[in-house]
């Protein structure tokens, strides 16, 4: 059994479910959050190996979640996902500690 814990953070329910359903058969332990505030609450009670994080969300955006998550767990791997990202967003995310920007 795979012990890798992944948190999927996206305000779009279909995206969260699709990614979770794709990872679950591979044995990953998957949790989801529908906004940045919920993601940060989950990070306070559970350590994750990887976060797949949407960039554009209502309320707290992905860059702010990235900033705060890195403060809690400096070694956590975070991949930003977005259909609306810019080069500037990608550069900023990488500067803040994201391992990739899709």
C-alpha atoms as a PDB file:
ATOM      1  CA  UNK A   1       0.000   0.000   0.000  1.00  0.00           C
ATOM      2  CA  UNK A   2       1.201   3.474  -0.887  1.00  0.00           C
ATOM      3  CA  UNK A   3       1.657   5.790   2.108  1.00  0.00           C
ATOM      4  CA  UNK A   4       1.906   8.992   0.052  1.00  0.00           C
ATOM      5  CA  UNK A   5      -0.693  11.520   1.200  1.00  0.00           C
ATOM      6  CA  UNK A   6      -1.962  13.998  -1.388  1.00  0.00           C
ATOM      7  CA  UNK A   7      -4.213  16.997  -0.799  1.00  0.00           C
ATOM      8  CA  UNK A   8      -6.160  18.266  -3.806  1.00  0.00           C
ATOM      9  CA  UNK A   9      -7.305  21.886  -3.464  1.00  0.00           C
ATOM     10  CA  UNK A  10      -9.697  23.238  -6.086  1.00  0.00           C
ATOM     11  CA  UNK A  11     -12.963  25.146  -5.962  1.00  0.00           C
ATOM     12  CA  UNK A  12     -14.314  23.079  -8.879  1.00  0.00           C
ATOM     13  CA  UNK A  13     -15.882  19.883  -7.533  1.00  0.00           C
ATOM     14  CA  UNK A  14     -15.492  17.998 -10.828  1.00  0.00           C
ATOM     15  CA  UNK A  15     -11.759  18.694 -10.946  1.00  0.00           C
ATOM     16  CA  UNK A  16     -11.269  17.552  -7.334  1.00  0.00           C
ATOM     17  CA  UNK A  17     -13.222  14.354  -7.959  1.00  0.00           C
ATOM     18  CA  UNK A  18     -11.541  13.567 -11.279  1.00  0.00           C
ATOM     19  CA  UNK A  19      -8.039  13.936  -9.857  1.00  0.00           C
ATOM     20  CA  UNK A  20      -8.946  12.007  -6.689  1.00  0.00           C
ATOM     21  CA  UNK A  21     -10.527   9.189  -8.693  1.00  0.00           C
ATOM     22  CA  UNK A  22      -7.429   9.000 -10.891  1.00  0.00           C
ATOM     23  CA  UNK A  23      -5.030   8.770  -7.936  1.00  0.00           C
ATOM     24  CA  UNK A  24      -7.057   6.486  -5.678  1.00  0.00           C
ATOM     25  CA  UNK A  25      -6.573   3.270  -7.733  1.00  0.00           C
ATOM     26  CA  UNK A  26      -2.816   3.905  -7.647  1.00  0.00           C
ATOM     27  CA  UNK A  27      -2.927   3.546  -3.873  1.00  0.00           C
ATOM     28  CA  UNK A  28      -2.402   7.169  -2.878  1.00  0.00           C
ATOM     29  CA  UNK A  29      -4.127   8.473   0.237  1.00  0.00           C
ATOM     30  CA  UNK A  30      -6.131  11.377  -1.160  1.00  0.00           C
ATOM     31  CA  UNK A  31      -7.952  14.185   0.622  1.00  0.00           C
ATOM     32  CA  UNK A  32      -9.654  17.200  -0.913  1.00  0.00           C
ATOM     33  CA  UNK A  33     -10.372  20.808   0.010  1.00  0.00           C
ATOM     34  CA  UNK A  34     -12.679  23.163  -1.865  1.00  0.00           C
ATOM     35  CA  UNK A  35     -10.892  26.377  -0.849  1.00  0.00           C
ATOM     36  CA  UNK A  36      -7.674  27.729   0.593  1.00  0.00           C
ATOM     37  CA  UNK A  37      -8.992  28.170   4.111  1.00  0.00           C
ATOM     38  CA  UNK A  38     -10.103  24.522   4.291  1.00  0.00           C
ATOM     39  CA  UNK A  39      -6.734  23.385   2.918  1.00  0.00           C
ATOM     40  CA  UNK A  40      -4.839  25.276   5.619  1.00  0.00           C
ATOM     41  CA  UNK A  41      -7.094  23.832   8.324  1.00  0.00           C
ATOM     42  CA  UNK A  42      -6.389  20.332   7.036  1.00  0.00           C
ATOM     43  CA  UNK A  43      -2.643  21.038   7.023  1.00  0.00           C
ATOM     44  CA  UNK A  44      -2.826  21.859  10.730  1.00  0.00           C
ATOM     45  CA  UNK A  45      -4.109  18.361  11.581  1.00  0.00           C
ATOM     46  CA  UNK A  46      -2.543  16.203   8.852  1.00  0.00           C
ATOM     47  CA  UNK A  47       0.822  16.274   7.123  1.00  0.00           C
ATOM     48  CA  UNK A  48       0.755  15.737   3.352  1.00  0.00           C
ATOM     49  CA  UNK A  49       3.519  14.743   0.958  1.00  0.00           C
ATOM     50  CA  UNK A  50       2.061  16.631  -1.997  1.00  0.00           C
ATOM     51  CA  UNK A  51      -0.522  19.337  -2.606  1.00  0.00           C
ATOM     52  CA  UNK A  52      -2.130  19.828  -6.004  1.00  0.00           C
ATOM     53  CA  UNK A  53      -3.284  23.415  -5.695  1.00  0.00           C
ATOM     54  CA  UNK A  54      -5.547  25.478  -7.921  1.00  0.00           C
ATOM     55  CA  UNK A  55      -4.299  28.991  -8.582  1.00  0.00           C
ATOM     56  CA  UNK A  56      -7.596  30.871  -9.011  1.00  0.00           C
ATOM     57  CA  UNK A  57     -10.114  30.328  -6.217  1.00  0.00           C
ATOM     58  CA  UNK A  58     -12.616  32.608  -4.513  1.00  0.00           C
ATOM     59  CA  UNK A  59     -11.327  34.018  -1.248  1.00  0.00           C
ATOM     60  CA  UNK A  60      -7.738  32.978  -0.674  1.00  0.00           C
ATOM     61  CA  UNK A  61      -5.934  32.322  -3.967  1.00  0.00           C
ATOM     62  CA  UNK A  62      -3.431  29.539  -4.583  1.00  0.00           C
ATOM     63  CA  UNK A  63      -0.359  31.735  -4.188  1.00  0.00           C
ATOM     64  CA  UNK A  64      -1.421  32.742  -0.674  1.00  0.00           C
ATOM     65  CA  UNK A  65      -2.151  29.108   0.222  1.00  0.00           C
ATOM     66  CA  UNK A  66       1.284  28.180  -1.165  1.00  0.00           C
ATOM     67  CA  UNK A  67       2.942  30.890   0.942  1.00  0.00           C
ATOM     68  CA  UNK A  68       1.232  29.737   4.134  1.00  0.00           C
ATOM     69  CA  UNK A  69       1.632  26.001   3.481  1.00  0.00           C
ATOM     70  CA  UNK A  70       5.389  26.418   3.002  1.00  0.00           C
ATOM     71  CA  UNK A  71       5.515  28.242   6.349  1.00  0.00           C
ATOM     72  CA  UNK A  72       3.865  25.245   8.051  1.00  0.00           C
ATOM     73  CA  UNK A  73       5.800  22.532   6.170  1.00  0.00           C
ATOM     74  CA  UNK A  74       8.896  23.977   4.447  1.00  0.00           C
ATOM     75  CA  UNK A  75       9.669  20.687   2.665  1.00  0.00           C
ATOM     76  CA  UNK A  76       6.193  19.967   1.310  1.00  0.00           C
ATOM     77  CA  UNK A  77       5.876  19.507  -2.450  1.00  0.00           C
ATOM     78  CA  UNK A  78       3.265  21.747  -4.073  1.00  0.00           C
ATOM     79  CA  UNK A  79       2.200  21.748  -7.698  1.00  0.00           C
ATOM     80  CA  UNK A  80       0.087  24.677  -8.860  1.00  0.00           C
ATOM     81  CA  UNK A  81      -2.593  23.815 -11.416  1.00  0.00           C
ATOM     82  CA  UNK A  82      -4.472  26.396 -13.444  1.00  0.00           C
ATOM     83  CA  UNK A  83      -6.229  26.897 -16.732  1.00  0.00           C
ATOM     84  CA  UNK A  84      -5.840  30.664 -16.346  1.00  0.00           C
ATOM     85  CA  UNK A  85      -2.271  31.128 -15.147  1.00  0.00           C
ATOM     86  CA  UNK A  86       0.190  33.620 -16.548  1.00  0.00           C
ATOM     87  CA  UNK A  87       3.951  33.509 -16.871  1.00  0.00           C
ATOM     88  CA  UNK A  88       4.112  35.972 -13.993  1.00  0.00           C
ATOM     89  CA  UNK A  89       1.995  33.636 -11.838  1.00  0.00           C
ATOM     90  CA  UNK A  90       4.263  30.704 -12.691  1.00  0.00           C
ATOM     91  CA  UNK A  91       7.419  32.663 -11.844  1.00  0.00           C
ATOM     92  CA  UNK A  92       5.920  33.865  -8.548  1.00  0.00           C
ATOM     93  CA  UNK A  93       4.784  30.335  -7.621  1.00  0.00           C
ATOM     94  CA  UNK A  94       8.244  28.918  -8.267  1.00  0.00           C
ATOM     95  CA  UNK A  95       9.857  31.711  -6.241  1.00  0.00           C
ATOM     96  CA  UNK A  96       7.519  30.902  -3.363  1.00  0.00           C
ATOM     97  CA  UNK A  97       8.500  27.231  -3.427  1.00  0.00           C
ATOM     98  CA  UNK A  98       6.188  25.392  -5.822  1.00  0.00           C
ATOM     99  CA  UNK A  99       7.881  22.422  -7.478  1.00  0.00           C
ATOM    100  CA  UNK A 100       5.896  22.832 -10.688  1.00  0.00           C
ATOM    101  CA  UNK A 101       3.191  24.901 -12.380  1.00  0.00           C
ATOM    102  CA  UNK A 102       0.752  23.189 -14.749  1.00  0.00           C
END
